[in-house]
Structure formats: C-alpha cells, structure tokens
Protein backbone atom coordinates (compact mmCIF):
# COMPACT_ATOMS: atom_id res chain seq x y z
CA MET A 1 0.02 0.07 -0.07
CA THR A 2 1.00 3.31 -0.91
CA ARG A 3 0.44 6.48 1.16
CA VAL A 4 0.88 10.24 0.47
CA HIS A 5 3.77 10.32 2.41
CA ASP A 6 5.96 7.76 0.24
CA LEU A 7 5.54 10.06 -2.51
CA ALA A 8 5.55 13.41 -0.89
CA HIS A 9 6.20 15.97 1.83
CA ALA A 10 3.23 18.22 3.35
CA ARG A 11 3.29 21.71 5.29
CA ALA A 12 0.01 23.38 6.70
CA GLY A 13 -0.90 26.98 7.32
CA ASP A 14 -4.15 28.12 8.35
CA LYS A 15 -6.45 31.76 7.62
CA GLY A 16 -9.45 31.63 9.77
CA ASN A 17 -11.44 28.24 9.79
CA THR A 18 -9.81 27.28 6.67
CA SER A 19 -6.78 25.01 6.32
CA ASN A 20 -4.18 25.25 3.46
CA ILE A 21 -1.81 22.36 2.69
CA VAL A 22 0.64 21.84 0.16
CA VAL A 23 1.79 18.27 -0.81
CA VAL A 24 5.45 18.52 -3.02
CA ALA A 25 6.75 15.29 -4.64
CA TYR A 26 9.84 14.10 -4.10
CA ASP A 27 10.60 13.16 -7.96
CA ASP A 28 8.57 13.34 -11.01
CA ARG A 29 7.31 9.99 -10.72
CA GLY A 30 5.94 10.56 -7.55
CA TRP A 31 4.39 14.06 -8.92
CA GLN A 32 2.54 12.20 -11.59
CA ARG A 33 1.11 9.68 -9.30
CA LEU A 34 -0.02 12.51 -7.13
CA GLU A 35 -1.34 14.79 -9.97
CA ARG A 36 -3.75 11.66 -11.13
CA ASP A 37 -4.52 10.28 -7.41
CA LEU A 38 -4.69 12.82 -5.04
CA THR A 39 -7.96 13.76 -5.83
CA VAL A 40 -10.14 16.48 -4.48
CA GLU A 41 -12.70 13.55 -3.71
CA ARG A 42 -9.88 11.45 -1.56
CA VAL A 43 -8.74 14.71 0.23
CA ALA A 44 -12.58 15.56 0.95
CA ALA A 45 -13.17 11.73 2.39
CA ALA A 46 -9.68 11.54 4.29
CA PHE A 47 -10.90 15.12 6.25
CA SER A 48 -14.32 14.30 6.47
CA VAL A 49 -14.06 12.90 10.07
CA LEU A 50 -13.48 16.62 11.09
CA GLY A 51 -16.71 17.88 9.15
CA ALA A 52 -14.13 19.70 6.89
CA GLY A 53 -15.40 21.00 3.27
CA PRO A 54 -15.40 21.90 0.74
CA VAL A 55 -12.03 21.26 -0.55
CA LYS A 56 -10.44 22.94 -3.62
CA ARG A 57 -7.15 21.92 -5.34
CA TYR A 58 -4.84 24.22 -7.20
CA GLY A 59 -1.74 22.17 -8.99
CA LEU A 60 1.64 23.89 -9.02
CA PRO A 61 3.27 21.56 -12.04
CA GLN A 62 6.62 23.78 -11.65
CA LEU A 63 7.16 22.99 -8.02
CA ARG A 64 5.96 19.30 -8.67
CA ALA A 65 2.77 20.40 -5.81
CA LEU A 66 -0.83 20.69 -5.34
CA ASN A 67 -2.38 23.03 -2.60
CA PHE A 68 -5.86 21.56 -1.56
CA VAL A 69 -7.77 24.82 0.30
CA ILE A 70 -9.96 23.22 2.81
CA GLU A 71 -12.65 25.05 4.43
CA ASN A 72 -14.20 24.21 7.71
CA ALA A 73 -11.06 22.02 9.03
CA LEU A 74 -10.43 24.23 12.05
CA SER A 75 -13.11 24.53 14.50
CA GLY A 76 -14.06 27.80 14.25
CA GLY A 77 -10.19 29.00 13.64
CA VAL A 78 -7.60 29.97 16.25
CA ALA A 79 -9.59 32.87 18.14
CA SER A 80 -12.69 30.34 18.91
CA SER A 81 -10.91 26.43 18.69
CA LEU A 82 -10.55 24.62 21.92
CA SER A 83 -8.21 22.48 19.75
CA ILE A 84 -4.59 22.31 21.17
CA ASP A 85 -3.73 22.64 17.42
CA PRO A 86 -5.68 25.61 16.59
CA HIS A 87 -3.34 26.72 13.53
CA GLY A 88 -4.03 23.31 12.13
CA LYS A 89 -0.19 22.43 11.49
CA SER A 90 -0.63 19.05 12.07
CA LEU A 91 -3.22 18.31 9.36
CA SER A 92 -0.55 17.86 6.85
CA ALA A 93 0.15 14.58 8.86
CA LEU A 94 -3.49 13.69 7.99
CA MET A 95 -2.55 14.46 4.45
CA LEU A 96 0.76 12.18 4.40
CA THR A 97 -1.67 9.38 5.88
CA ILE A 98 -4.09 9.20 2.55
CA GLU A 99 -4.11 5.71 1.02
CA MET A 100 -3.35 6.21 -2.84
CA PRO A 101 -5.05 3.42 -5.19
CA GLU A 102 -2.81 1.20 -6.70
CA ASN A 103 -2.41 0.77 -10.71
CA GLY A 104 -5.76 -0.71 -12.16
CA GLU A 105 -7.31 0.56 -9.09
CA THR A 106 -10.73 2.78 -9.83
CA GLU A 107 -11.16 6.15 -8.08
CA THR A 108 -12.93 6.61 -5.13
C-alpha cells in the first residue's frame, strides 16, 4: 500500500477556519501519481472526520506540488477553537496518511 508520505512531504497553514495544505512530490514519478490520484474527492473523504469541506485543489506543476484549501477544518479558527493545535499544523500529517490507489484501481 502506498500513502502520500511515500511520494511527498507536506506543509500546512491557516487563515480563519480554513486550512491550506501543500503536498510537494519528492520526484517526477511521485508527482505524476499525485497529480493523477490525489483528488479533491480523496482528500475530502480523509478530512470528513473533522466535518471539513468543501475542498479545492490547485496544481503547481513547476514545483511538483498540489495545494489544497480545506474549509471548515479548524473548529472555527485560532481565536475560537479549543483544539490543542488551533492552527492545524498537524493536519499535514493527516494528508500524508491518505492511501493512494494501486495501479488499475478505480477512483473512490
């Protein structure tokens, strides 16, 4: 089983109740796989446990990166959240655990 962390690293930021997570591929092969398989639907499913969404995806091919903007992911944001991680920096770890489909699998 391949997870995002096998192909890339990630960084998270925040603005209000919105998390911004960039996933940067280690190499061209990983980039091709991420671009094809790390879909909005796959990320939304992973973050649905937080009640998060909607999710938007922006491609940055020159950087071999995908930027995901995930609304409603931070329990109201830094000033409102009782979370021990109100900025959501640890959410990049959640992104990195997403399972990628193996070759021949259909999109979920």
